[in-house]
Protein backbone atom coordinates (compact mmCIF):
# COMPACT_ATOMS: atom_id res chain seq x y z
CA MET A 1 -62.33 54.30 -97.27
CA THR A 2 -61.01 56.81 -99.80
CA THR A 3 -61.09 60.58 -99.64
CA GLU A 4 -59.65 63.16 -101.99
CA LEU A 5 -56.94 65.17 -100.29
CA MET A 6 -56.24 67.74 -102.99
CA ARG A 7 -55.73 68.33 -106.68
CA TYR A 8 -52.26 69.37 -107.70
CA GLY A 9 -51.29 69.96 -111.31
CA ARG A 10 -53.09 67.51 -113.53
CA TYR A 11 -53.34 64.83 -110.83
CA ARG A 12 -55.56 64.07 -107.86
CA PHE A 13 -54.13 62.84 -104.55
CA LEU A 14 -56.27 60.46 -102.48
CA LEU A 15 -56.13 59.33 -98.86
CA TYR A 16 -56.24 55.56 -98.24
CA LYS A 17 -56.00 53.43 -95.16
CA LYS A 18 -52.93 51.24 -95.41
CA TRP A 19 -54.80 47.95 -95.99
CA ASP A 20 -57.35 49.46 -98.36
CA TYR A 21 -54.82 50.14 -101.13
CA ALA A 22 -53.44 47.04 -102.91
CA ARG A 23 -52.96 45.00 -99.80
CA ASN A 24 -51.76 41.82 -101.53
CA MET A 25 -49.71 42.81 -104.60
CA ARG A 26 -48.81 46.21 -106.03
CA THR A 27 -48.07 46.74 -109.67
CA GLU A 28 -45.34 49.00 -110.90
CA LYS A 29 -47.86 51.71 -111.72
CA GLN A 30 -49.43 51.46 -108.25
CA GLN A 31 -46.04 51.68 -106.57
CA GLU A 32 -45.24 54.74 -108.69
CA ALA A 33 -48.50 56.38 -107.57
CA LEU A 34 -47.67 55.56 -103.93
CA ASP A 35 -44.15 57.03 -104.24
CA ALA A 36 -45.61 60.21 -105.74
CA GLY A 37 -47.91 60.53 -102.71
CA LYS A 38 -44.93 60.12 -100.33
CA ALA A 39 -43.05 62.84 -102.22
CA LEU A 40 -46.06 65.15 -101.91
CA PHE A 41 -46.22 64.65 -98.15
CA LYS A 42 -42.47 65.11 -97.76
CA ALA A 43 -42.61 68.49 -99.48
CA ALA A 44 -45.92 69.54 -97.89
CA ASN A 45 -46.45 72.88 -96.19
CA ILE A 46 -48.56 71.98 -93.16
CA GLU A 47 -49.40 75.59 -92.41
CA HIS A 48 -50.73 75.97 -95.94
CA TRP A 49 -52.85 72.83 -95.59
CA ALA A 50 -54.33 74.14 -92.35
CA SER A 51 -55.26 77.44 -94.02
CA GLN A 52 -57.68 75.69 -96.48
CA PRO A 53 -61.07 75.08 -94.80
CA GLU A 54 -62.36 72.59 -97.43
CA LEU A 55 -59.22 70.46 -97.20
CA VAL A 56 -59.40 70.47 -93.38
CA GLU A 57 -63.04 69.41 -93.51
CA ARG A 58 -62.28 66.47 -95.85
CA VAL A 59 -59.36 65.35 -93.66
CA GLN A 60 -61.50 65.40 -90.51
CA LYS A 61 -64.24 63.38 -92.22
CA PHE A 62 -61.65 60.82 -93.36
CA LEU A 63 -60.22 60.48 -89.84
CA ILE A 64 -63.66 60.06 -88.25
CA ASP A 65 -64.74 57.41 -90.79
CA SER A 66 -61.45 55.51 -90.83
CA PHE A 67 -60.32 55.53 -87.18
CA PRO A 68 -62.88 54.88 -84.42
CA SER A 69 -60.28 55.97 -81.86
CA TYR A 70 -60.30 59.47 -83.31
CA ARG A 71 -63.07 61.57 -81.85
CA PRO A 72 -63.14 65.34 -82.33
CA SER A 73 -63.43 67.50 -79.25
CA PRO A 74 -66.97 68.65 -78.45
CA TYR A 75 -65.57 72.10 -78.02
CA GLY A 76 -64.22 72.12 -81.57
CA GLU A 77 -60.88 71.31 -83.16
CA SER A 78 -58.49 73.84 -84.61
CA PRO A 79 -57.46 73.26 -88.25
CA LYS A 80 -53.86 72.83 -87.13
CA ASN A 81 -54.78 69.99 -84.75
CA ILE A 82 -56.72 68.17 -87.47
CA ILE A 83 -53.83 68.37 -89.93
CA ASP A 84 -51.38 67.27 -87.18
CA ALA A 85 -53.57 64.22 -86.52
CA LEU A 86 -53.43 63.28 -90.20
CA CYS A 87 -49.64 63.73 -90.25
CA ARG A 88 -49.27 61.35 -87.27
CA GLU A 89 -51.20 58.65 -89.11
CA LEU A 90 -49.13 59.23 -92.27
CA ARG A 91 -45.88 58.92 -90.34
CA ASN A 92 -47.10 55.75 -88.60
CA GLY A 93 -47.94 54.24 -91.98
CA ASP A 94 -51.62 53.68 -91.21
CA VAL A 95 -52.61 56.16 -93.94
CA VAL A 96 -51.09 56.53 -97.41
CA ILE A 97 -51.40 59.19 -100.11
CA VAL A 98 -51.87 57.88 -103.63
CA ARG A 99 -51.66 59.81 -106.87
CA ALA A 100 -54.58 59.15 -109.20
CA GLU A 101 -55.31 60.12 -112.78
CA PRO A 102 -57.91 62.86 -113.35
CA ALA A 103 -60.41 60.37 -114.81
CA TYR A 104 -60.18 58.02 -111.85
CA ILE A 105 -63.55 57.45 -110.15
CA ALA A 106 -63.31 56.37 -106.57
CA HIS A 107 -65.90 54.01 -105.13
CA ASP A 108 -67.18 56.70 -102.78
CA GLY A 109 -68.85 58.66 -105.58
CA PHE A 110 -66.26 61.19 -106.81
CA VAL A 111 -67.35 63.09 -109.88
CA PRO A 112 -65.00 62.21 -112.77
CA ALA A 113 -62.75 65.04 -113.82
CA ARG A 114 -63.17 66.60 -117.23
CA GLU A 115 -60.71 65.26 -119.74
CA PHE A 116 -58.03 67.75 -120.51
CA ASP A 117 -57.52 68.68 -124.18
CA TYR A 118 -53.77 68.86 -124.51
CA GLU A 119 -53.81 69.57 -128.23
CA ALA A 120 -56.00 72.64 -127.77
CA TYR A 121 -53.81 73.73 -124.88
CA GLU A 122 -50.66 73.43 -126.97
CA ARG A 123 -52.28 75.31 -129.86
CA ASP A 124 -53.27 78.09 -127.49
CA ILE A 125 -49.76 78.30 -126.07
CA ALA A 126 -48.27 78.41 -129.59
CA GLU A 127 -50.65 81.18 -130.63
CA ARG A 128 -49.84 83.20 -127.52
CA ALA A 129 -46.12 82.74 -128.06
CA SER A 130 -46.40 83.85 -131.69
CA SER A 131 -48.46 86.90 -130.74
CA TYR A 132 -46.00 87.79 -128.00
CA ALA A 133 -43.05 87.45 -130.40
CA ALA A 134 -44.77 89.70 -132.96
CA ARG A 135 -45.53 92.36 -130.34
CA SER A 136 -41.99 92.17 -128.99
CA LYS A 137 -40.53 92.63 -132.47
CA ALA A 138 -42.78 95.62 -133.13
CA TYR A 139 -41.75 97.19 -129.81
CA ARG A 140 -38.07 96.62 -130.54
CA ASP A 141 -38.34 98.13 -134.02
CA ASP A 142 -40.21 101.13 -132.66
CA LEU A 143 -37.64 101.64 -129.90
CA LYS A 144 -34.77 101.32 -132.38
CA ALA A 145 -36.32 103.93 -134.67
CA TYR A 146 -36.94 106.26 -131.73
CA ASN A 147 -33.35 105.93 -130.48
CA GLN A 148 -32.00 106.52 -133.98
CA GLU A 149 -34.07 109.68 -134.32
CA ILE A 150 -32.83 110.94 -130.94
CA ASP A 151 -29.20 110.20 -131.88
CA GLU A 152 -29.54 112.03 -135.19
CA ARG A 153 -31.07 115.06 -133.48
CA ILE A 154 -28.29 115.13 -130.90
CA ALA A 155 -25.69 114.89 -133.67
CA ARG A 156 -27.29 117.80 -135.58
CA GLU A 157 -27.43 119.99 -132.49
CA SER A 158 -23.84 119.12 -131.63
CA ARG A 159 -22.64 120.09 -135.10
CA ALA A 160 -24.58 123.34 -134.93
CA LEU A 161 -23.16 124.28 -131.54
CA GLN A 162 -19.71 122.88 -132.12
CA LYS A 163 -16.93 125.38 -131.44
CA PRO A 164 -13.31 125.20 -132.64
CA PHE A 165 -10.87 123.68 -130.24
CA ARG A 166 -9.18 126.28 -128.08
CA HIS A 167 -5.52 125.54 -127.56
CA VAL A 168 -4.40 126.03 -123.97
CA GLU A 169 -1.22 128.04 -124.10
CA THR A 170 1.68 126.66 -122.10
CA MET A 171 4.11 128.74 -120.06
CA ALA A 172 6.85 128.29 -122.63
CA GLU A 173 4.57 129.38 -125.47
CA ALA A 174 3.40 132.42 -123.51
CA GLN A 175 7.00 133.43 -122.79
CA ALA A 176 7.97 133.03 -126.45
CA ARG A 177 4.94 135.08 -127.52
CA ASN A 178 5.77 137.88 -125.08
CA ILE A 179 9.40 137.97 -126.24
CA ALA A 180 8.30 138.13 -129.89
CA ALA A 181 5.82 140.91 -129.08
CA ARG A 182 8.48 142.97 -127.29
CA ALA A 183 10.92 142.45 -130.16
CA ALA A 184 8.30 143.53 -132.70
CA SER A 185 7.45 146.58 -130.58
CA GLU A 186 11.11 147.56 -130.33
CA LYS A 187 11.54 147.18 -134.08
CA ILE A 188 8.47 149.34 -134.75
CA SER A 189 9.72 151.95 -132.29
CA ALA A 190 13.15 151.97 -133.92
CA LEU A 191 11.55 152.26 -137.36
CA ALA A 192 9.35 155.16 -136.27
CA LEU A 193 12.36 156.88 -134.65
CA SER A 194 14.40 156.49 -137.83
CA VAL A 195 11.60 157.99 -139.94
CA VAL A 196 11.25 160.92 -137.54
CA ARG A 197 14.95 161.53 -137.65
CA VAL A 198 15.07 161.49 -141.44
CA VAL A 199 12.09 163.83 -141.71
CA SER A 200 13.59 166.15 -139.09
CA ASP A 201 16.91 166.25 -140.86
CA VAL A 202 15.29 167.03 -144.16
CA ALA A 203 12.93 169.59 -142.64
CA SER A 204 15.84 171.38 -141.00
CA ILE A 205 17.28 172.43 -144.35
CA LEU A 206 13.98 173.51 -145.88
CA PRO A 207 13.13 177.23 -145.90
CA SER A 208 10.51 178.49 -143.45
CA SER A 209 7.02 179.39 -144.61
CA GLY A 210 7.78 183.14 -144.28
CA ASP A 211 10.82 183.17 -146.58
CA ASN A 212 10.32 183.84 -150.22
CA ASP A 213 13.84 182.92 -151.24
CA ALA A 214 15.20 179.42 -150.92
CA CYS A 215 18.25 178.92 -148.82
CA ASP A 216 21.37 178.42 -150.95
CA LEU A 217 23.51 175.67 -149.44
CA GLY A 218 26.06 175.77 -152.24
CA ASP A 219 27.43 172.71 -153.90
CA VAL A 220 27.04 169.58 -151.83
CA THR A 221 29.67 166.93 -152.24
CA GLY A 222 29.91 163.45 -150.94
CA ILE A 223 30.58 162.78 -147.31
CA GLY A 224 34.29 163.20 -146.64
CA GLY A 225 34.91 164.99 -149.95
CA GLY A 226 35.59 168.69 -150.69
CA SER A 227 37.43 171.19 -148.54
CA THR A 228 36.68 172.39 -145.03
CA PRO A 229 37.84 175.51 -143.17
CA LEU A 230 40.48 173.36 -141.51
CA GLY A 231 41.56 171.61 -144.69
CA ASP A 232 44.82 173.59 -144.95
CA ALA A 233 45.73 173.46 -141.29
CA ALA A 234 48.79 171.62 -140.05
CA PRO A 235 48.22 168.18 -138.67
CA PHE A 236 48.00 167.70 -134.95
CA GLU A 237 50.83 166.04 -133.14
CA TYR A 238 50.27 163.51 -130.37
CA SER A 239 51.63 164.38 -126.99
CA GLU A 240 51.51 162.49 -123.69
CA SER A 241 48.84 163.39 -121.22
CA ALA A 242 47.68 162.34 -117.78
CA THR A 243 45.61 159.54 -119.21
CA GLY A 244 48.70 157.47 -120.05
CA ASN A 245 50.94 156.60 -122.96
CA ASP A 246 48.59 153.96 -124.44
CA VAL A 247 46.69 155.35 -127.40
CA LEU A 248 44.11 152.53 -127.23
CA SER A 249 43.11 153.56 -123.71
CA ILE A 250 41.74 156.76 -125.21
CA ALA A 251 40.27 155.32 -128.43
CA ALA A 252 38.53 152.34 -126.93
CA ARG A 253 35.28 153.17 -125.14
CA GLY A 254 34.42 149.65 -123.97
CA VAL A 255 31.66 149.02 -126.55
CA SER A 256 30.82 145.34 -126.98
CA GLU A 257 30.60 143.62 -130.34
CA ALA A 258 26.86 143.17 -129.94
CA HIS A 259 26.35 146.88 -129.24
CA GLU A 260 28.57 147.70 -132.20
CA ALA A 261 26.43 145.48 -134.43
CA ASP A 262 23.21 147.12 -133.19
CA CYS A 263 24.60 150.58 -133.89
CA PHE A 264 25.65 149.58 -137.40
CA ALA A 265 22.26 148.00 -138.11
CA GLU A 266 20.51 151.20 -137.03
CA TYR A 267 22.91 153.23 -139.19
CA GLU A 268 22.11 151.12 -142.25
CA SER A 269 18.42 151.45 -141.59
CA GLU A 270 18.67 155.25 -141.45
CA LEU A 271 20.67 155.27 -144.69
CA ASP A 272 17.88 153.32 -146.38
CA PHE A 273 15.34 155.87 -145.21
CA CYS A 274 17.57 158.70 -146.38
CA ASN A 275 17.77 157.20 -149.85
CA ALA A 276 14.02 156.59 -149.93
CA LEU A 277 12.56 159.77 -148.39
CA ALA A 278 15.08 162.56 -148.57
CA PRO A 279 15.27 162.91 -152.39
CA SER A 280 11.53 163.40 -152.69
CA ILE A 281 11.47 165.97 -149.87
CA GLY A 282 14.61 168.06 -150.30
CA GLY A 283 16.58 166.68 -153.20
CA ALA A 284 20.31 165.95 -153.16
CA ARG A 285 21.05 168.42 -150.38
CA ALA A 286 18.55 166.81 -148.03
CA THR A 287 19.92 163.39 -148.85
CA ALA A 288 23.50 164.42 -148.06
CA LEU A 289 22.51 166.09 -144.81
CA CYS A 290 20.40 163.10 -143.80
CA LYS A 291 23.34 160.74 -144.35
CA GLN A 292 25.68 163.02 -142.45
CA ASN A 293 23.36 163.13 -139.46
CA ALA A 294 22.91 159.38 -139.59
CA PHE A 295 26.67 158.90 -139.48
CA ASP A 296 26.97 161.28 -136.54
CA ARG A 297 24.39 159.31 -134.61
CA TYR A 298 26.21 156.10 -135.50
CA GLN A 299 29.42 157.51 -134.04
CA GLN A 300 27.60 158.66 -130.92
CA CYS A 301 26.07 155.19 -130.53
CA ARG A 302 29.59 153.70 -130.71
CA GLY A 303 30.77 156.11 -128.07
CA TYR A 304 32.74 158.56 -130.20
């Protein structure tokens, strides 16, 4: 008795009683079909078999026809019990599973399976693969173009909004900048003070707006030249005083070399302004007076 168990892949698997399948001598092909059936049963999912009503019905019919000792319960058998009964017979070796070709016709009237056209199947697979490859290439090209367009737009917007790099000033740089700013401010202040002094000196010798006659200062000579009211007086003689016998203790005022250099630099700056501004404002007299006042301030700066 032969019954189809299932169809798996391109093969059919049949149920045989042990002595109904090649009882005397088995060829190599028959043994291969028997080994394939054993492998199917070894990897079988019994729960899955029990969940297929048609398979359960065929198995029960095979058990009833092949084993008189098997009688289903009048109250009905569960699919799990029917499949378990088949598994017991397979383990005992009374039933075997044999793999058969699709065109095999069993003697119990199986309808022959339709011959499978492998060439048409392979052509269909090749066409599908080619179509899939073409679609994939089109999608990749489209995505590449889209990404390139996005990257170019981002680059354009970045260039449009790009700002120059702002250097973060360090503490040392800030200190140097502040020192330079203070030095420049002091130089500007000194320059402005020198200009004011020169203008004041020159303006002091100019006549007022209410005078019609210019003030006659006489002949102006160079600084240190000419005669003074005390030019004919007798020279002073040094005499000791309470300050001590050391002449340097009176002359020296404790001015440092750096202070001396600053005073001289300011004196030279005022002389330059006298030579530049005084002649155009008050002529030679203004120039001489400006230089005299500059020298007096130089001496005061030195402490004399």
